[in-house]
Amino acid sequence: MVAYPKWLAALVFGVVVVYLNYWMWDDSRIVLGLPVNLLYHVVLSVCLAPIMVVVVRRAWPRYLSDD
């Protein structure tokens, strides 16, 4: 069993909480030509890309990539 750092688990949990944006479900505003909910997910995806790089580099099992 692999022991993951607690900050990594907290980061993933925080990403899940932020991803589920229940506070914007009924918002129909248009911002920059996009519905605000879609724009939120575009910005979130751009911000999550470096976080996913960190998660994969820190938590990827070594035995899966060894030749």
N, C-alpha and C. Protein backbone atom coordinates (compact mmCIF):
# COMPACT_ATOMS: atom_id res chain seq x y z
N MET A 1 0.84 -1.18 0.00
CA MET A 1 0.00 0.00 0.00
C MET A 1 0.88 1.24 0.00
N VAL A 2 0.53 2.21 -0.82
CA VAL A 2 1.30 3.44 -0.95
C VAL A 2 0.74 4.49 0.00
N ALA A 3 1.62 5.15 0.73
CA ALA A 3 1.19 6.22 1.62
C ALA A 3 1.32 7.55 0.89
N TYR A 4 0.20 8.19 0.66
CA TYR A 4 0.20 9.48 -0.03
C TYR A 4 0.31 10.61 0.98
N PRO A 5 0.95 11.70 0.59
CA PRO A 5 1.03 12.84 1.52
C PRO A 5 -0.37 13.39 1.80
N LYS A 6 -0.55 13.85 3.01
CA LYS A 6 -1.87 14.37 3.41
C LYS A 6 -2.25 15.62 2.62
N TRP A 7 -1.26 16.41 2.24
CA TRP A 7 -1.57 17.62 1.48
C TRP A 7 -2.09 17.27 0.09
N LEU A 8 -1.62 16.14 -0.44
CA LEU A 8 -2.09 15.71 -1.75
C LEU A 8 -3.54 15.24 -1.69
N ALA A 9 -3.88 14.51 -0.65
CA ALA A 9 -5.27 14.09 -0.46
C ALA A 9 -6.18 15.29 -0.23
N ALA A 10 -5.71 16.27 0.54
CA ALA A 10 -6.50 17.48 0.78
C ALA A 10 -6.68 18.28 -0.51
N LEU A 11 -5.64 18.32 -1.33
CA LEU A 11 -5.71 19.03 -2.60
C LEU A 11 -6.74 18.39 -3.52
N VAL A 12 -6.73 17.07 -3.63
CA VAL A 12 -7.70 16.38 -4.47
C VAL A 12 -9.12 16.58 -3.93
N PHE A 13 -9.29 16.51 -2.63
CA PHE A 13 -10.61 16.75 -2.04
C PHE A 13 -11.07 18.18 -2.32
N GLY A 14 -10.18 19.14 -2.20
CA GLY A 14 -10.53 20.53 -2.48
C GLY A 14 -10.92 20.74 -3.94
N VAL A 15 -10.24 20.05 -4.84
CA VAL A 15 -10.57 20.14 -6.26
C VAL A 15 -11.98 19.61 -6.51
N VAL A 16 -12.31 18.51 -5.87
CA VAL A 16 -13.66 17.95 -6.04
C VAL A 16 -14.72 18.91 -5.52
N VAL A 17 -14.47 19.54 -4.39
CA VAL A 17 -15.43 20.49 -3.82
C VAL A 17 -15.58 21.70 -4.74
N VAL A 18 -14.50 22.21 -5.27
CA VAL A 18 -14.56 23.38 -6.15
C VAL A 18 -15.21 23.02 -7.48
N TYR A 19 -14.96 21.79 -7.96
CA TYR A 19 -15.52 21.37 -9.24
C TYR A 19 -17.04 21.31 -9.19
N LEU A 20 -17.59 20.87 -8.08
CA LEU A 20 -19.05 20.76 -7.94
C LEU A 20 -19.62 22.12 -7.54
N ASN A 21 -19.74 22.99 -8.50
CA ASN A 21 -20.14 24.36 -8.22
C ASN A 21 -21.67 24.49 -8.12
N TYR A 22 -22.22 23.95 -7.06
CA TYR A 22 -23.67 23.97 -6.86
C TYR A 22 -24.21 25.39 -6.70
N TRP A 23 -23.38 26.35 -6.37
CA TRP A 23 -23.84 27.71 -6.16
C TRP A 23 -24.11 28.45 -7.48
N MET A 24 -23.73 27.87 -8.62
CA MET A 24 -23.92 28.54 -9.91
C MET A 24 -24.89 27.82 -10.83
N TRP A 25 -25.60 26.82 -10.36
CA TRP A 25 -26.45 26.02 -11.23
C TRP A 25 -27.53 26.84 -11.92
N ASP A 26 -28.09 27.81 -11.23
CA ASP A 26 -29.21 28.58 -11.78
C ASP A 26 -28.78 29.94 -12.33
N ASP A 27 -27.50 30.16 -12.46
CA ASP A 27 -26.99 31.44 -12.96
C ASP A 27 -26.97 31.42 -14.49
N SER A 28 -27.67 32.34 -15.12
CA SER A 28 -27.77 32.34 -16.58
C SER A 28 -27.07 33.54 -17.22
N ARG A 29 -26.17 34.18 -16.49
CA ARG A 29 -25.44 35.33 -17.05
C ARG A 29 -24.51 34.90 -18.18
N ILE A 30 -24.23 35.83 -19.07
CA ILE A 30 -23.28 35.62 -20.15
C ILE A 30 -22.07 36.50 -19.88
N VAL A 31 -20.89 35.90 -19.83
CA VAL A 31 -19.64 36.61 -19.57
C VAL A 31 -18.66 36.23 -20.67
N LEU A 32 -18.10 37.21 -21.34
CA LEU A 32 -17.16 36.99 -22.44
C LEU A 32 -17.75 36.09 -23.53
N GLY A 33 -19.04 36.19 -23.74
CA GLY A 33 -19.71 35.43 -24.78
C GLY A 33 -20.05 34.00 -24.40
N LEU A 34 -19.75 33.60 -23.16
CA LEU A 34 -20.04 32.25 -22.70
C LEU A 34 -20.96 32.30 -21.48
N PRO A 35 -21.79 31.29 -21.29
CA PRO A 35 -22.52 31.21 -20.03
C PRO A 35 -21.53 31.14 -18.87
N VAL A 36 -21.85 31.79 -17.78
CA VAL A 36 -20.90 31.91 -16.68
C VAL A 36 -20.49 30.54 -16.14
N ASN A 37 -21.38 29.57 -16.15
CA ASN A 37 -21.04 28.24 -15.67
C ASN A 37 -20.01 27.56 -16.58
N LEU A 38 -20.13 27.73 -17.88
CA LEU A 38 -19.16 27.17 -18.82
C LEU A 38 -17.81 27.89 -18.68
N LEU A 39 -17.84 29.19 -18.54
CA LEU A 39 -16.60 29.94 -18.34
C LEU A 39 -15.91 29.51 -17.05
N TYR A 40 -16.68 29.25 -16.02
CA TYR A 40 -16.13 28.75 -14.75
C TYR A 40 -15.37 27.45 -14.98
N HIS A 41 -15.95 26.55 -15.75
CA HIS A 41 -15.30 25.27 -15.99
C HIS A 41 -14.08 25.40 -16.90
N VAL A 42 -14.10 26.34 -17.81
CA VAL A 42 -12.92 26.59 -18.65
C VAL A 42 -11.76 27.07 -17.78
N VAL A 43 -12.01 28.05 -16.94
CA VAL A 43 -10.97 28.58 -16.05
C VAL A 43 -10.51 27.51 -15.07
N LEU A 44 -11.45 26.74 -14.55
CA LEU A 44 -11.11 25.67 -13.62
C LEU A 44 -10.22 24.62 -14.29
N SER A 45 -10.51 24.26 -15.51
CA SER A 45 -9.70 23.27 -16.23
C SER A 45 -8.27 23.77 -16.45
N VAL A 46 -8.13 25.03 -16.78
CA VAL A 46 -6.80 25.61 -16.97
C VAL A 46 -6.02 25.62 -15.65
N CYS A 47 -6.71 25.90 -14.56
CA CYS A 47 -6.05 25.91 -13.25
C CYS A 47 -5.74 24.50 -12.75
N LEU A 48 -6.54 23.52 -13.13
CA LEU A 48 -6.34 22.16 -12.65
C LEU A 48 -5.24 21.41 -13.40
N ALA A 49 -4.88 21.84 -14.57
CA ALA A 49 -3.85 21.14 -15.34
C ALA A 49 -2.54 21.02 -14.57
N PRO A 50 -2.00 22.11 -14.01
CA PRO A 50 -0.75 21.95 -13.24
C PRO A 50 -0.94 21.13 -11.97
N ILE A 51 -2.12 21.20 -11.37
CA ILE A 51 -2.39 20.39 -10.18
C ILE A 51 -2.37 18.91 -10.53
N MET A 52 -2.93 18.55 -11.68
CA MET A 52 -2.92 17.16 -12.10
C MET A 52 -1.50 16.68 -12.40
N VAL A 53 -0.66 17.56 -12.92
CA VAL A 53 0.75 17.19 -13.15
C VAL A 53 1.41 16.84 -11.83
N VAL A 54 1.16 17.62 -10.80
CA VAL A 54 1.73 17.36 -9.48
C VAL A 54 1.20 16.04 -8.92
N VAL A 55 -0.10 15.82 -9.04
CA VAL A 55 -0.70 14.60 -8.52
C VAL A 55 -0.12 13.37 -9.22
N VAL A 56 0.01 13.43 -10.53
CA VAL A 56 0.53 12.27 -11.26
C VAL A 56 2.01 12.04 -10.92
N ARG A 57 2.78 13.08 -10.82
CA ARG A 57 4.21 12.90 -10.50
C ARG A 57 4.43 12.39 -9.09
N ARG A 58 3.58 12.81 -8.14
CA ARG A 58 3.76 12.41 -6.75
C ARG A 58 3.11 11.07 -6.43
N ALA A 59 1.98 10.75 -7.07
CA ALA A 59 1.20 9.60 -6.64
C ALA A 59 1.19 8.45 -7.63
N TRP A 60 1.81 8.60 -8.78
CA TRP A 60 1.80 7.52 -9.76
C TRP A 60 2.64 6.36 -9.25
N PRO A 61 2.10 5.16 -9.23
CA PRO A 61 2.88 4.02 -8.74
C PRO A 61 4.10 3.74 -9.63
N ARG A 62 5.25 3.62 -9.04
CA ARG A 62 6.50 3.45 -9.78
C ARG A 62 6.50 2.13 -10.56
N TYR A 63 5.89 1.09 -10.02
CA TYR A 63 5.94 -0.21 -10.67
C TYR A 63 5.17 -0.22 -12.00
N LEU A 64 4.28 0.73 -12.21
CA LEU A 64 3.55 0.79 -13.48
C LEU A 64 4.39 1.35 -14.62
N SER A 65 5.40 2.15 -14.29
CA SER A 65 6.20 2.77 -15.34
C SER A 65 7.60 2.17 -15.46
N ASP A 66 7.96 1.24 -14.60
CA ASP A 66 9.27 0.59 -14.71
C ASP A 66 9.27 -0.40 -15.86
N ASP A 67 10.36 -0.41 -16.61
CA ASP A 67 10.48 -1.34 -17.74
C ASP A 67 11.19 -2.62 -17.32
